[in-house]
Amino acid sequence: MMLSGKRPNNLGVRNGRFAPCRLTPNCVSSQADPAADPGHHVDPIAVQLGAGASWSALMEVLRELPRVTIIQNRPGYVYAECRSRIFGFVDDLELHLDKRAGVIHVRSASRLGRRDFGVNRRRVETIRSRLARRLSAS
């Protein structure tokens, strides 16, 4: 059974920002206000060892994750679709390198349903920890 839903038309970065999360609790974003919207907020990923090395290592981490397909990869931005193991639900993952702030902003959102049972937040934390391990091994 595949429950992919329709790819959103608001993907990408406009004026340095992702689209905001919908009101449903199945999205996290490093650009959500931590005080006003703590349920959607997740910390950005800190850039280590320079932007180029961090971004290259991030691409390696994404390619190693199961059921993650990179759809768009351009300098400083990547969009990937993440498919759940059992039902094939698709989540949209976006990452944006903000060199000025020294961070990688991230947004991960479910296409369907209201709740994600923490899947998007865990995905971001998995990426963060794998990236840190990869960079510390460099």
N, C-alpha and C. Protein backbone atom coordinates (compact mmCIF):
# COMPACT_ATOMS: atom_id res chain seq x y z
N MET A 1 0.84 -1.17 0.00
CA MET A 1 0.00 0.00 0.00
C MET A 1 0.89 1.24 0.00
N MET A 2 0.65 2.14 -0.92
CA MET A 2 1.44 3.36 -1.01
C MET A 2 0.54 4.57 -0.77
N LEU A 3 0.89 5.35 0.22
CA LEU A 3 0.13 6.54 0.59
C LEU A 3 1.03 7.75 0.46
N SER A 4 1.29 8.14 -0.78
CA SER A 4 2.30 9.17 -1.00
C SER A 4 1.75 10.59 -0.95
N GLY A 5 0.48 10.79 -1.27
CA GLY A 5 -0.03 12.15 -1.32
C GLY A 5 0.58 12.92 -2.46
N LYS A 6 0.23 14.17 -2.56
CA LYS A 6 0.69 15.03 -3.64
C LYS A 6 1.86 15.88 -3.15
N ARG A 7 2.88 16.03 -3.99
CA ARG A 7 4.03 16.87 -3.63
C ARG A 7 3.55 18.31 -3.43
N PRO A 8 3.94 18.93 -2.32
CA PRO A 8 3.51 20.32 -2.06
C PRO A 8 4.05 21.28 -3.11
N ASN A 9 3.31 22.35 -3.34
CA ASN A 9 3.77 23.35 -4.31
C ASN A 9 4.49 24.52 -3.63
N ASN A 10 4.69 24.43 -2.32
CA ASN A 10 5.36 25.53 -1.60
C ASN A 10 6.75 25.14 -1.13
N LEU A 11 7.37 24.18 -1.78
CA LEU A 11 8.72 23.76 -1.41
C LEU A 11 9.74 24.81 -1.85
N GLY A 12 10.89 24.79 -1.23
CA GLY A 12 11.96 25.70 -1.60
C GLY A 12 12.17 26.78 -0.55
N VAL A 13 13.13 27.63 -0.83
CA VAL A 13 13.49 28.71 0.08
C VAL A 13 13.18 30.03 -0.62
N ARG A 14 12.42 30.86 0.06
CA ARG A 14 12.08 32.18 -0.46
C ARG A 14 12.52 33.21 0.58
N ASN A 15 13.37 34.12 0.15
CA ASN A 15 13.92 35.13 1.07
C ASN A 15 14.56 34.48 2.29
N GLY A 16 15.26 33.36 2.06
CA GLY A 16 15.97 32.68 3.13
C GLY A 16 15.10 31.84 4.05
N ARG A 17 13.82 31.65 3.70
CA ARG A 17 12.89 30.95 4.59
C ARG A 17 12.15 29.83 3.87
N PHE A 18 11.90 28.76 4.62
CA PHE A 18 11.01 27.71 4.16
C PHE A 18 9.57 28.18 4.34
N ALA A 19 8.64 27.45 3.74
CA ALA A 19 7.22 27.67 4.04
C ALA A 19 7.00 27.31 5.50
N PRO A 20 6.12 28.01 6.18
CA PRO A 20 5.85 27.66 7.59
C PRO A 20 5.14 26.31 7.68
N CYS A 21 5.25 25.68 8.83
CA CYS A 21 4.51 24.44 9.08
C CYS A 21 3.02 24.75 9.14
N ARG A 22 2.22 23.78 8.69
CA ARG A 22 0.76 23.92 8.86
C ARG A 22 0.45 23.84 10.35
N LEU A 23 -0.77 24.05 10.71
CA LEU A 23 -1.18 24.03 12.11
C LEU A 23 -1.17 22.62 12.70
N THR A 24 -1.15 21.60 11.86
CA THR A 24 -1.13 20.22 12.35
C THR A 24 0.23 19.89 12.94
N PRO A 25 0.28 18.96 13.90
CA PRO A 25 1.54 18.65 14.60
C PRO A 25 2.43 17.63 13.88
N ASN A 26 2.41 17.60 12.55
CA ASN A 26 3.20 16.62 11.82
C ASN A 26 4.30 17.27 10.98
N CYS A 27 4.91 18.30 11.53
CA CYS A 27 5.95 19.05 10.84
C CYS A 27 6.89 19.64 11.88
N VAL A 28 8.18 19.70 11.54
CA VAL A 28 9.15 20.43 12.35
C VAL A 28 9.97 21.32 11.42
N SER A 29 10.40 22.45 11.96
CA SER A 29 11.21 23.38 11.18
C SER A 29 12.13 24.15 12.12
N SER A 30 13.35 24.33 11.68
CA SER A 30 14.29 25.14 12.47
C SER A 30 13.95 26.62 12.36
N GLN A 31 13.06 26.97 11.46
CA GLN A 31 12.67 28.37 11.32
C GLN A 31 11.37 28.69 12.05
N ALA A 32 10.76 27.70 12.68
CA ALA A 32 9.60 27.97 13.53
C ALA A 32 10.08 28.67 14.79
N ASP A 33 9.33 29.62 15.27
CA ASP A 33 9.71 30.39 16.46
C ASP A 33 9.65 29.49 17.70
N PRO A 34 10.78 29.32 18.40
CA PRO A 34 10.78 28.42 19.55
C PRO A 34 9.87 28.87 20.69
N ALA A 35 9.63 30.17 20.83
CA ALA A 35 8.76 30.65 21.90
C ALA A 35 7.29 30.58 21.49
N ALA A 36 6.98 31.00 20.27
CA ALA A 36 5.59 31.05 19.82
C ALA A 36 5.10 29.71 19.28
N ASP A 37 6.01 28.86 18.82
CA ASP A 37 5.61 27.62 18.16
C ASP A 37 6.54 26.47 18.54
N PRO A 38 6.65 26.16 19.84
CA PRO A 38 7.62 25.15 20.28
C PRO A 38 7.33 23.74 19.75
N GLY A 39 6.09 23.44 19.44
CA GLY A 39 5.75 22.11 18.92
C GLY A 39 6.32 21.85 17.55
N HIS A 40 6.50 22.91 16.77
CA HIS A 40 7.05 22.76 15.42
C HIS A 40 8.55 23.05 15.37
N HIS A 41 9.07 23.70 16.40
CA HIS A 41 10.48 24.12 16.37
C HIS A 41 11.43 22.95 16.61
N VAL A 42 12.50 22.94 15.84
CA VAL A 42 13.64 22.06 16.05
C VAL A 42 14.87 22.93 15.81
N ASP A 43 15.93 22.68 16.54
CA ASP A 43 17.14 23.49 16.36
C ASP A 43 17.74 23.25 14.98
N PRO A 44 18.34 24.30 14.38
CA PRO A 44 19.07 24.09 13.14
C PRO A 44 20.30 23.23 13.41
N ILE A 45 20.88 22.72 12.35
CA ILE A 45 22.08 21.90 12.46
C ILE A 45 23.29 22.82 12.34
N ALA A 46 24.16 22.77 13.33
CA ALA A 46 25.34 23.64 13.34
C ALA A 46 26.32 23.20 12.25
N VAL A 47 26.88 24.18 11.56
CA VAL A 47 27.91 23.91 10.55
C VAL A 47 29.23 23.71 11.28
N GLN A 48 29.89 22.60 10.98
CA GLN A 48 31.19 22.29 11.58
C GLN A 48 32.20 22.11 10.46
N LEU A 49 33.44 22.43 10.71
CA LEU A 49 34.53 22.24 9.74
C LEU A 49 34.31 22.97 8.43
N GLY A 50 33.55 24.05 8.45
CA GLY A 50 33.31 24.83 7.25
C GLY A 50 32.07 24.38 6.51
N ALA A 51 31.48 25.32 5.77
CA ALA A 51 30.22 25.06 5.09
C ALA A 51 30.35 23.96 4.04
N GLY A 52 31.41 24.00 3.25
CA GLY A 52 31.57 23.01 2.18
C GLY A 52 31.69 21.60 2.71
N ALA A 53 32.52 21.40 3.72
CA ALA A 53 32.70 20.06 4.30
C ALA A 53 31.42 19.58 4.97
N SER A 54 30.73 20.47 5.67
CA SER A 54 29.49 20.08 6.34
C SER A 54 28.42 19.70 5.32
N TRP A 55 28.31 20.48 4.24
CA TRP A 55 27.29 20.20 3.23
C TRP A 55 27.59 18.88 2.51
N SER A 56 28.85 18.65 2.17
CA SER A 56 29.22 17.38 1.52
C SER A 56 28.93 16.19 2.42
N ALA A 57 29.27 16.32 3.69
CA ALA A 57 28.99 15.24 4.65
C ALA A 57 27.49 15.03 4.81
N LEU A 58 26.72 16.12 4.80
CA LEU A 58 25.27 16.00 4.89
C LEU A 58 24.72 15.21 3.71
N MET A 59 25.21 15.46 2.51
CA MET A 59 24.74 14.72 1.33
C MET A 59 25.04 13.23 1.48
N GLU A 60 26.21 12.90 2.03
CA GLU A 60 26.54 11.49 2.26
C GLU A 60 25.58 10.87 3.27
N VAL A 61 25.27 11.59 4.33
CA VAL A 61 24.34 11.08 5.35
C VAL A 61 22.98 10.82 4.72
N LEU A 62 22.48 11.77 3.92
CA LEU A 62 21.16 11.59 3.30
C LEU A 62 21.14 10.39 2.36
N ARG A 63 22.21 10.19 1.61
CA ARG A 63 22.27 9.05 0.68
C ARG A 63 22.29 7.71 1.41
N GLU A 64 22.76 7.71 2.65
CA GLU A 64 22.82 6.46 3.43
C GLU A 64 21.51 6.13 4.15
N LEU A 65 20.63 7.10 4.30
CA LEU A 65 19.38 6.86 5.02
C LEU A 65 18.45 5.99 4.19
N PRO A 66 17.83 4.99 4.81
CA PRO A 66 16.92 4.13 4.05
C PRO A 66 15.66 4.88 3.63
N ARG A 67 15.18 4.56 2.43
CA ARG A 67 13.92 5.08 1.90
C ARG A 67 13.91 6.60 1.75
N VAL A 68 15.08 7.19 1.58
CA VAL A 68 15.19 8.63 1.32
C VAL A 68 15.67 8.81 -0.11
N THR A 69 14.90 9.58 -0.88
CA THR A 69 15.24 9.85 -2.27
C THR A 69 15.47 11.35 -2.43
N ILE A 70 16.67 11.72 -2.85
CA ILE A 70 16.96 13.13 -3.10
C ILE A 70 16.33 13.50 -4.43
N ILE A 71 15.43 14.47 -4.39
CA ILE A 71 14.70 14.90 -5.58
C ILE A 71 15.38 16.12 -6.21
N GLN A 72 15.81 17.03 -5.38
CA GLN A 72 16.44 18.26 -5.87
C GLN A 72 17.67 18.56 -5.02
N ASN A 73 18.78 18.80 -5.70
CA ASN A 73 20.02 19.11 -5.00
C ASN A 73 20.71 20.23 -5.77
N ARG A 74 20.70 21.39 -5.18
CA ARG A 74 21.39 22.53 -5.80
C ARG A 74 22.23 23.18 -4.70
N PRO A 75 23.17 24.03 -5.06
CA PRO A 75 24.05 24.61 -4.04
C PRO A 75 23.26 25.24 -2.88
N GLY A 76 23.48 24.71 -1.69
CA GLY A 76 22.86 25.26 -0.50
C GLY A 76 21.43 24.85 -0.23
N TYR A 77 20.86 23.96 -1.05
CA TYR A 77 19.49 23.51 -0.84
C TYR A 77 19.34 22.07 -1.33
N VAL A 78 18.66 21.29 -0.53
CA VAL A 78 18.32 19.93 -0.96
C VAL A 78 16.89 19.62 -0.53
N TYR A 79 16.18 18.95 -1.43
CA TYR A 79 14.83 18.47 -1.14
C TYR A 79 14.81 16.96 -1.35
N ALA A 80 14.30 16.26 -0.36
CA ALA A 80 14.22 14.80 -0.44
C ALA A 80 12.85 14.32 0.00
N GLU A 81 12.45 13.19 -0.55
CA GLU A 81 11.23 12.52 -0.11
C GLU A 81 11.63 11.33 0.74
N CYS A 82 10.96 11.19 1.87
CA CYS A 82 11.26 10.12 2.83
C CYS A 82 10.02 9.25 2.95
N ARG A 83 10.17 7.98 2.63
CA ARG A 83 9.03 7.06 2.59
C ARG A 83 9.04 6.17 3.83
N SER A 84 7.88 6.01 4.47
CA SER A 84 7.81 5.14 5.65
C SER A 84 7.92 3.68 5.23
N ARG A 85 8.42 2.87 6.14
CA ARG A 85 8.72 1.48 5.84
C ARG A 85 7.47 0.65 5.53
N ILE A 86 6.44 0.78 6.31
CA ILE A 86 5.31 -0.13 6.18
C ILE A 86 4.26 0.35 5.18
N PHE A 87 3.72 1.52 5.37
CA PHE A 87 2.63 1.98 4.51
C PHE A 87 3.07 2.85 3.34
N GLY A 88 4.33 3.26 3.31
CA GLY A 88 4.82 4.08 2.21
C GLY A 88 4.39 5.54 2.28
N PHE A 89 4.02 6.03 3.48
CA PHE A 89 3.72 7.45 3.63
C PHE A 89 4.95 8.25 3.21
N VAL A 90 4.73 9.38 2.55
CA VAL A 90 5.85 10.22 2.11
C VAL A 90 5.88 11.51 2.93
N ASP A 91 7.06 11.81 3.45
CA ASP A 91 7.32 13.08 4.13
C ASP A 91 8.27 13.89 3.26
N ASP A 92 8.18 15.19 3.35
CA ASP A 92 9.03 16.09 2.58
C ASP A 92 10.09 16.68 3.49
N LEU A 93 11.35 16.51 3.10
CA LEU A 93 12.50 16.97 3.88
C LEU A 93 13.24 18.03 3.07
N GLU A 94 13.44 19.19 3.69
CA GLU A 94 14.20 20.26 3.05
C GLU A 94 15.33 20.70 3.96
N LEU A 95 16.48 20.98 3.36
CA LEU A 95 17.63 21.49 4.11
C LEU A 95 18.22 22.66 3.34
N HIS A 96 18.60 23.69 4.07
CA HIS A 96 19.10 24.92 3.46
C HIS A 96 20.31 25.41 4.24
N LEU A 97 21.42 25.57 3.55
CA LEU A 97 22.66 26.05 4.16
C LEU A 97 22.62 27.57 4.28
N ASP A 98 22.68 28.05 5.50
CA ASP A 98 22.73 29.49 5.78
C ASP A 98 24.16 29.79 6.23
N LYS A 99 25.00 30.14 5.27
CA LYS A 99 26.42 30.36 5.57
C LYS A 99 26.62 31.51 6.56
N ARG A 100 25.82 32.56 6.42
CA ARG A 100 25.96 33.72 7.30
C ARG A 100 25.73 33.35 8.76
N ALA A 101 24.71 32.54 9.01
CA ALA A 101 24.38 32.15 10.38
C ALA A 101 25.19 30.94 10.84
N GLY A 102 25.86 30.27 9.91
CA GLY A 102 26.66 29.09 10.26
C GLY A 102 25.82 27.88 10.64
N VAL A 103 24.65 27.75 9.98
CA VAL A 103 23.76 26.63 10.29
C VAL A 103 23.16 26.06 9.01
N ILE A 104 22.62 24.86 9.15
CA ILE A 104 21.81 24.25 8.11
C ILE A 104 20.39 24.23 8.65
N HIS A 105 19.51 24.98 8.01
CA HIS A 105 18.11 24.97 8.42
C HIS A 105 17.45 23.73 7.85
N VAL A 106 16.47 23.23 8.57
CA VAL A 106 15.81 21.98 8.18
C VAL A 106 14.31 22.10 8.39
N ARG A 107 13.58 21.47 7.50
CA ARG A 107 12.12 21.37 7.62
C ARG A 107 11.74 19.96 7.18
N SER A 108 10.97 19.27 7.98
CA SER A 108 10.49 17.93 7.65
C SER A 108 9.01 17.87 7.97
N ALA A 109 8.19 17.52 6.96
CA ALA A 109 6.74 17.57 7.13
C ALA A 109 6.07 16.38 6.47
N SER A 110 5.07 15.85 7.15
CA SER A 110 4.25 14.78 6.59
C SER A 110 3.29 15.37 5.57
N ARG A 111 3.05 14.64 4.49
CA ARG A 111 2.09 15.10 3.50
C ARG A 111 0.65 14.80 3.91
N LEU A 112 0.46 13.67 4.53
CA LEU A 112 -0.88 13.20 4.86
C LEU A 112 -1.08 13.10 6.36
N GLY A 113 -2.32 13.16 6.78
CA GLY A 113 -2.65 12.95 8.18
C GLY A 113 -2.43 14.17 9.04
N ARG A 114 -2.70 13.99 10.30
CA ARG A 114 -2.54 15.06 11.29
C ARG A 114 -1.33 14.86 12.17
N ARG A 115 -1.10 13.65 12.57
CA ARG A 115 -0.02 13.35 13.52
C ARG A 115 1.05 12.51 12.82
N ASP A 116 2.26 12.65 13.32
CA ASP A 116 3.35 11.83 12.78
C ASP A 116 4.03 11.01 13.87
N PHE A 117 3.54 11.10 15.11
CA PHE A 117 4.08 10.35 16.24
C PHE A 117 5.58 10.58 16.42
N GLY A 118 6.02 11.80 16.11
CA GLY A 118 7.41 12.19 16.32
C GLY A 118 8.38 11.77 15.23
N VAL A 119 7.87 11.23 14.13
CA VAL A 119 8.75 10.72 13.07
C VAL A 119 9.61 11.83 12.48
N ASN A 120 9.04 12.98 12.17
CA ASN A 120 9.81 14.06 11.55
C ASN A 120 10.89 14.59 12.48
N ARG A 121 10.56 14.76 13.74
CA ARG A 121 11.55 15.22 14.72
C ARG A 121 12.68 14.20 14.87
N ARG A 122 12.35 12.92 14.94
CA ARG A 122 13.38 11.87 15.05
C ARG A 122 14.26 11.84 13.80
N ARG A 123 13.66 12.05 12.64
CA ARG A 123 14.45 12.07 11.40
C ARG A 123 15.50 13.18 11.46
N VAL A 124 15.09 14.37 11.88
CA VAL A 124 16.03 15.49 11.97
C VAL A 124 17.13 15.17 12.98
N GLU A 125 16.78 14.61 14.12
CA GLU A 125 17.79 14.29 15.13
C GLU A 125 18.73 13.18 14.65
N THR A 126 18.21 12.24 13.87
CA THR A 126 19.06 11.19 13.29
C THR A 126 20.07 11.81 12.33
N ILE A 127 19.60 12.71 11.48
CA ILE A 127 20.49 13.39 10.54
C ILE A 127 21.54 14.19 11.31
N ARG A 128 21.12 14.91 12.33
CA ARG A 128 22.04 15.71 13.13
C ARG A 128 23.14 14.83 13.75
N SER A 129 22.74 13.72 14.37
CA SER A 129 23.73 12.88 15.06
C SER A 129 24.65 12.16 14.07
N ARG A 130 24.10 11.70 12.96
CA ARG A 130 24.96 11.03 11.96
C ARG A 130 25.93 12.01 11.32
N LEU A 131 25.48 13.23 11.09
CA LEU A 131 26.37 14.24 10.53
C LEU A 131 27.48 14.57 11.52
N ALA A 132 27.15 14.74 12.78
CA ALA A 132 28.17 15.03 13.80
C ALA A 132 29.20 13.91 13.88
N ARG A 133 28.73 12.66 13.84
CA ARG A 133 29.67 11.52 13.88
C ARG A 133 30.57 11.51 12.65
N ARG A 134 29.98 11.76 11.50
CA ARG A 134 30.77 11.75 10.26
C ARG A 134 31.82 12.85 10.29
N LEU A 135 31.44 14.03 10.74
CA LEU A 135 32.39 15.14 10.77
C LEU A 135 33.46 14.96 11.83
N SER A 136 33.12 14.34 12.95
CA SER A 136 34.13 14.12 14.00
C SER A 136 35.13 13.05 13.58
N ALA A 137 34.73 12.18 12.66
CA ALA A 137 35.64 11.15 12.17
C ALA A 137 36.58 11.69 11.10
N SER A 138 36.27 12.89 10.58
CA SER A 138 37.09 13.49 9.51
C SER A 138 38.40 14.02 10.04
